[in-house]
Protein backbone atom coordinates (compact mmCIF):
# COMPACT_ATOMS: atom_id res chain seq x y z
CA MET A 1 95.58 -0.53 -256.65
CA GLY A 2 92.18 -0.65 -254.66
CA LEU A 3 90.54 -2.81 -252.46
CA THR A 4 89.13 -5.97 -253.98
CA THR A 5 85.30 -6.86 -254.08
CA SER A 6 85.48 -9.04 -251.05
CA GLU A 7 87.08 -6.43 -248.99
CA LEU A 8 84.72 -3.68 -250.48
CA VAL A 9 81.87 -6.06 -249.09
CA LEU A 10 83.30 -6.60 -245.62
CA TRP A 11 84.25 -2.97 -245.35
CA TYR A 12 80.54 -2.03 -246.03
CA VAL A 13 79.75 -4.64 -243.39
CA SER A 14 81.93 -3.07 -240.94
CA MET A 15 80.60 0.47 -241.30
CA PHE A 16 77.09 -0.82 -240.81
CA LEU A 17 77.85 -2.76 -237.81
CA GLU A 18 79.89 0.04 -236.29
CA LEU A 19 77.13 2.24 -236.75
CA VAL A 20 74.59 -0.02 -235.19
CA LEU A 21 76.86 -0.70 -232.41
CA CYS A 22 77.56 3.00 -231.82
CA ALA A 23 73.92 3.93 -231.76
CA LEU A 24 73.01 1.09 -229.66
CA ALA A 25 76.01 1.84 -227.00
CA PHE A 26 74.59 5.26 -226.60
CA ARG A 27 70.77 4.29 -226.47
CA ARG A 28 71.72 1.74 -223.98
CA ARG A 29 73.63 4.59 -221.80
CA LEU A 30 76.59 2.51 -221.95
CA TYR A 31 78.84 5.77 -221.26
CA ARG A 32 77.60 5.76 -217.81
CA GLU A 33 79.29 2.57 -216.87
CA LEU A 34 81.96 2.26 -219.66
CA PRO A 35 82.77 5.79 -220.95
CA VAL A 36 85.87 5.01 -222.82
CA PHE A 37 84.99 1.89 -224.65
CA THR A 38 81.77 4.02 -225.64
CA GLY A 39 84.24 6.69 -227.11
CA TYR A 40 86.29 3.71 -228.74
CA THR A 41 83.01 2.54 -230.48
CA ALA A 42 82.41 6.14 -231.80
CA ALA A 43 86.07 6.54 -232.71
CA VAL A 44 86.05 3.25 -234.66
CA LEU A 45 82.98 4.36 -236.85
CA VAL A 46 84.68 8.05 -237.54
CA HIS A 47 87.82 6.65 -238.51
CA GLY A 48 86.52 4.26 -241.08
CA LEU A 49 84.84 7.07 -243.23
CA PRO A 50 88.11 9.06 -244.13
CA LEU A 51 90.17 5.73 -244.23
CA TYR A 52 87.77 4.64 -247.13
CA TRP A 53 88.19 7.98 -248.87
CA VAL A 54 92.00 7.40 -248.60
CA TYR A 55 91.88 4.01 -249.85
CA HIS A 56 89.46 5.27 -252.93
CA SER A 57 91.39 8.07 -253.69
CA ALA A 58 95.05 7.70 -253.31
CA GLY A 59 95.05 3.90 -253.63
CA TYR A 60 95.20 0.79 -251.17
CA THR A 61 98.85 0.24 -251.77
CA SER A 62 99.83 3.90 -251.73
CA ARG A 63 102.54 5.59 -249.02
CA THR A 64 99.57 7.91 -248.10
CA ALA A 65 97.23 5.05 -247.38
CA PHE A 66 100.18 3.33 -245.33
CA TYR A 67 100.96 6.10 -242.91
CA PHE A 68 97.27 6.85 -242.57
CA PHE A 69 96.07 3.67 -241.73
CA TRP A 70 98.80 2.75 -239.31
CA SER A 71 98.71 6.37 -237.54
CA THR A 72 94.90 5.69 -236.90
CA GLN A 73 95.53 2.30 -235.80
CA ALA A 74 97.93 3.33 -233.17
CA VAL A 75 95.24 5.80 -231.94
CA LEU A 76 92.75 3.03 -231.97
CA LEU A 77 95.09 0.62 -230.15
CA ALA A 78 95.70 2.93 -227.51
CA TRP A 79 92.03 3.68 -227.17
CA ARG A 80 91.36 -0.22 -226.77
CA GLY A 81 94.20 -0.20 -224.26
CA ALA A 82 92.45 2.67 -222.15
CA SER A 83 88.97 0.37 -222.41
CA ILE A 84 90.97 -2.60 -220.96
CA GLY A 85 92.25 -0.40 -218.30
CA GLU A 86 88.65 0.78 -217.54
CA LEU A 87 87.30 -2.71 -217.32
CA ALA A 88 89.95 -3.73 -214.65
CA TRP A 89 88.99 -0.49 -213.07
CA THR A 90 85.40 -1.01 -213.14
CA ALA A 91 85.65 -4.55 -211.98
CA SER A 92 87.87 -3.74 -209.01
CA ARG A 93 86.27 -0.51 -207.84
CA PRO A 94 84.05 -1.98 -205.16
CA TYR A 95 86.56 -4.30 -203.84
CA LEU A 96 89.82 -2.82 -202.02
CA GLY A 97 91.75 -5.86 -201.63
CA PHE A 98 91.19 -6.95 -205.58
CA ARG A 99 91.83 -3.54 -206.71
CA VAL A 100 95.55 -3.79 -205.17
CA VAL A 101 95.81 -7.16 -206.73
CA MET A 102 94.70 -5.72 -210.19
CA LYS A 103 96.97 -2.80 -209.86
CA TRP A 104 100.30 -4.28 -208.96
CA PHE A 105 99.61 -7.82 -210.73
CA VAL A 106 98.08 -6.75 -214.15
CA ALA A 107 99.88 -3.52 -214.26
CA SER A 108 103.34 -5.41 -213.74
CA ILE A 109 102.68 -8.07 -216.49
CA CYS A 110 101.51 -5.43 -219.00
CA LEU A 111 104.45 -3.25 -218.30
CA LEU A 112 106.94 -6.33 -219.00
CA PHE A 113 105.15 -7.46 -222.33
CA LEU A 114 105.36 -3.72 -223.13
CA ILE A 115 109.11 -3.90 -222.90
CA TRP A 116 109.19 -7.09 -224.42
CA SER A 117 107.23 -5.80 -227.28
CA PHE A 118 109.23 -3.00 -227.97
CA TRP A 119 112.25 -5.13 -227.84
CA LEU A 120 111.28 -7.77 -230.14
CA ALA A 121 109.80 -5.17 -232.66
CA ILE A 122 113.35 -3.16 -232.62
CA LYS A 123 115.05 -6.84 -233.49
CA THR A 124 112.96 -7.15 -236.65
CA PRO A 125 114.03 -6.45 -239.95
CA ALA A 126 114.86 -2.75 -241.13
CA GLN A 127 111.54 -2.75 -243.47
CA LEU A 128 108.83 -0.46 -241.96
CA PRO A 129 105.96 -2.87 -242.56
CA ALA A 130 107.72 -5.66 -240.96
CA PHE A 131 108.40 -3.33 -237.92
CA VAL A 132 105.01 -2.10 -237.41
CA LEU A 133 103.25 -5.53 -237.94
CA ALA A 134 105.62 -7.00 -235.33
CA LEU A 135 105.14 -4.04 -232.91
CA GLU A 136 101.42 -4.47 -233.22
CA ARG A 137 101.43 -8.14 -233.04
CA ASP A 138 103.19 -7.78 -229.58
CA LEU A 139 100.90 -5.14 -228.36
CA GLU A 140 98.00 -7.00 -229.17
CA PHE A 141 99.45 -9.99 -227.27
CA THR A 142 100.14 -7.72 -224.22
CA ALA A 143 96.35 -6.76 -224.68
CA ALA A 144 95.29 -10.51 -224.75
CA ILE A 145 97.48 -11.45 -221.64
CA ALA A 146 95.97 -8.55 -219.83
CA LEU A 147 92.54 -9.39 -220.59
CA LEU A 148 93.15 -12.99 -219.73
CA ALA A 149 94.55 -11.92 -216.40
CA LEU A 150 91.45 -9.99 -215.96
CA LEU A 151 89.11 -12.84 -216.67
CA PHE A 152 90.85 -15.01 -214.50
CA LEU A 153 91.41 -12.76 -211.32
CA THR A 154 87.59 -11.97 -211.63
CA PHE A 155 86.54 -15.69 -211.41
CA HIS A 156 89.18 -16.65 -208.82
CA TYR A 157 88.15 -14.22 -206.59
CA GLN A 158 84.48 -14.18 -207.52
CA VAL A 159 84.19 -10.38 -208.35
CA MET A 160 81.04 -9.67 -209.85
CA LEU A 161 81.01 -8.47 -213.58
CA SER A 162 77.83 -7.62 -215.40
CA ALA A 163 77.20 -9.90 -218.53
CA ALA A 164 77.72 -6.81 -220.86
CA GLN A 165 81.22 -6.25 -219.10
CA LYS A 166 82.23 -9.87 -219.78
CA LEU A 167 81.26 -10.07 -223.19
CA ILE A 168 82.80 -6.92 -224.27
CA ALA A 169 86.13 -8.08 -222.65
CA PHE A 170 85.67 -11.56 -224.33
CA GLY A 171 85.25 -9.62 -227.86
CA LEU A 172 88.44 -7.57 -226.95
CA PHE A 173 90.27 -10.52 -225.95
CA LEU A 174 89.19 -12.77 -229.18
CA TYR A 175 90.09 -9.74 -231.29
CA SER A 176 93.30 -9.37 -230.09
CA LEU A 177 94.29 -12.96 -230.11
CA ILE A 178 93.25 -13.36 -233.78
CA GLN A 179 95.49 -10.42 -234.76
CA VAL A 180 98.33 -11.70 -232.79
CA VAL A 181 98.05 -14.93 -235.23
CA ASN A 182 97.40 -12.81 -238.11
CA ASN A 183 100.17 -10.31 -237.86
CA ALA A 184 102.96 -13.47 -237.15
CA ILE A 185 101.83 -14.88 -240.45
CA SER A 186 101.65 -11.68 -242.40
CA ASN A 187 105.43 -10.49 -241.06
CA GLU A 188 106.49 -13.82 -242.24
CA TRP A 189 105.19 -13.69 -245.97
CA LEU A 190 104.50 -10.08 -245.98
CA ARG A 191 103.33 -9.15 -249.59
CA PRO A 192 101.47 -12.19 -250.88
CA TYR A 193 99.48 -12.38 -247.44
CA PHE A 194 98.73 -8.59 -247.05
CA HIS A 195 95.19 -8.61 -248.66
CA ARG A 196 94.58 -11.64 -246.60
CA TRP A 197 95.81 -9.84 -243.60
CA GLU A 198 93.16 -7.14 -244.32
CA VAL A 199 90.36 -9.79 -244.86
CA VAL A 200 91.08 -11.42 -241.60
CA ARG A 201 91.23 -8.59 -239.60
CA LEU A 202 88.01 -7.61 -240.81
CA VAL A 203 86.48 -10.83 -240.14
CA SER A 204 87.73 -10.98 -236.53
CA PHE A 205 86.47 -7.56 -235.99
CA HIS A 206 83.19 -8.63 -237.35
CA VAL A 207 83.19 -11.43 -234.97
CA ALA A 208 83.75 -8.67 -231.78
CA LEU A 209 81.18 -6.38 -233.01
CA PHE A 210 78.61 -9.35 -232.88
CA ILE A 211 79.65 -10.16 -229.54
CA TRP A 212 79.56 -6.60 -228.40
CA LEU A 213 76.11 -6.13 -230.29
CA PHE A 214 74.72 -9.44 -228.47
CA ALA A 215 76.08 -7.75 -225.25
CA LEU A 216 73.94 -4.47 -225.67
CA ARG A 217 70.90 -6.34 -226.91
CA LYS A 218 68.91 -5.81 -223.37
CA PRO A 219 68.92 -2.63 -221.31
CA LEU A 220 71.98 -2.56 -218.92
CA LEU A 221 71.17 -3.49 -215.57
CA GLN A 222 72.69 -0.80 -212.91
CA GLN A 223 75.56 -2.32 -210.96
CA ILE A 224 75.08 -1.81 -207.42
CA ILE A 225 78.44 -0.73 -205.55
CA PRO A 226 78.33 -1.89 -201.98
CA ALA A 227 78.88 1.08 -199.65
CA PRO A 228 81.22 0.67 -197.00
CA PRO A 229 80.43 -0.41 -193.45
CA THR A 230 79.19 2.37 -191.30
CA ASP A 231 78.76 0.64 -188.00
CA LEU A 232 82.57 -0.16 -186.93
CA GLU A 233 81.44 -2.21 -183.90
CA PRO A 234 81.74 -5.52 -185.49
CA THR A 235 85.48 -4.34 -186.51
CA ARG A 236 86.19 -3.41 -182.87
CA GLU A 237 84.82 -6.93 -181.55
CA PHE A 238 87.20 -8.74 -183.98
CA VAL A 239 90.09 -6.87 -182.96
CA ARG A 240 89.18 -7.07 -179.12
CA GLN A 241 88.61 -11.11 -179.97
CA GLY A 242 92.28 -11.11 -181.81
CA THR A 243 93.94 -9.30 -178.87
CA ALA A 244 92.52 -11.59 -176.32
CA ALA A 245 93.66 -14.75 -178.30
CA MET A 246 97.18 -13.34 -178.71
CA LYS A 247 97.31 -12.54 -175.12
CA GLY A 248 96.17 -15.98 -174.08
CA LEU A 249 98.69 -17.51 -176.41
CA SER A 250 101.45 -15.35 -174.76
CA GLU A 251 100.55 -16.42 -171.07
CA ARG A 252 100.53 -19.83 -172.19
CA MET A 253 103.95 -19.64 -173.79
CA SER A 254 105.25 -18.12 -170.45
CA ARG A 255 103.95 -21.18 -168.46
CA PHE A 256 105.45 -23.37 -170.95
CA ARG A 257 109.03 -21.64 -170.71
CA ARG A 258 108.92 -21.62 -166.94
CA LYS A 259 108.30 -25.37 -166.78
CA PHE A 260 111.47 -26.06 -168.57
């Protein structure tokens, strides 16, 4: 059993958009700012060609297609996770305090959700497709939570992100969120919904591709990272003022104790 006509059309559209996105990412030199995400765009494009050949030769529902699809999806999912980490690092690199918050807060959230994901996936029925769908659903949920935390913290701490970075993060978040719902539905009604699962996956990825293409429509502005201050005199003056204030407070407390 092969792909349906609608899936073939969506597949060709995906390959075209992925080719345009990959070419535009290298043209805009996105690899200077986000090398991991740029590599992800190339990996998505490269992975589509052999996958199409496997579907065409072995069949969409064959065991070969199943193992090839999910093994490549695992690689792409890990690559997207690395892209999310790259966005978090790029956003927090100029700000030491914000970097500490991102390192402990977001990393702790991701670790907890990853443990929870594997635990829930293990508790699913013994069927391999159900296990894989549940595991991917929970991993996508972890990715969505990490991106939401990243966007919230950058807004709360007024961290400057470029327009391209915001749109790339939003595209990743939207795709992960749709896949959470899509996998949850397909896990409940696996067989009748599996073709629809593929259609929803392709359409949601098209939306993410359009968002990323919109982000790269113009040349990227070079992000200026603020250099650390070289003049330590303001810091020394601040320390002297703080020391004098503490000394004055200590003297007033001593006089107050002597009165009583």
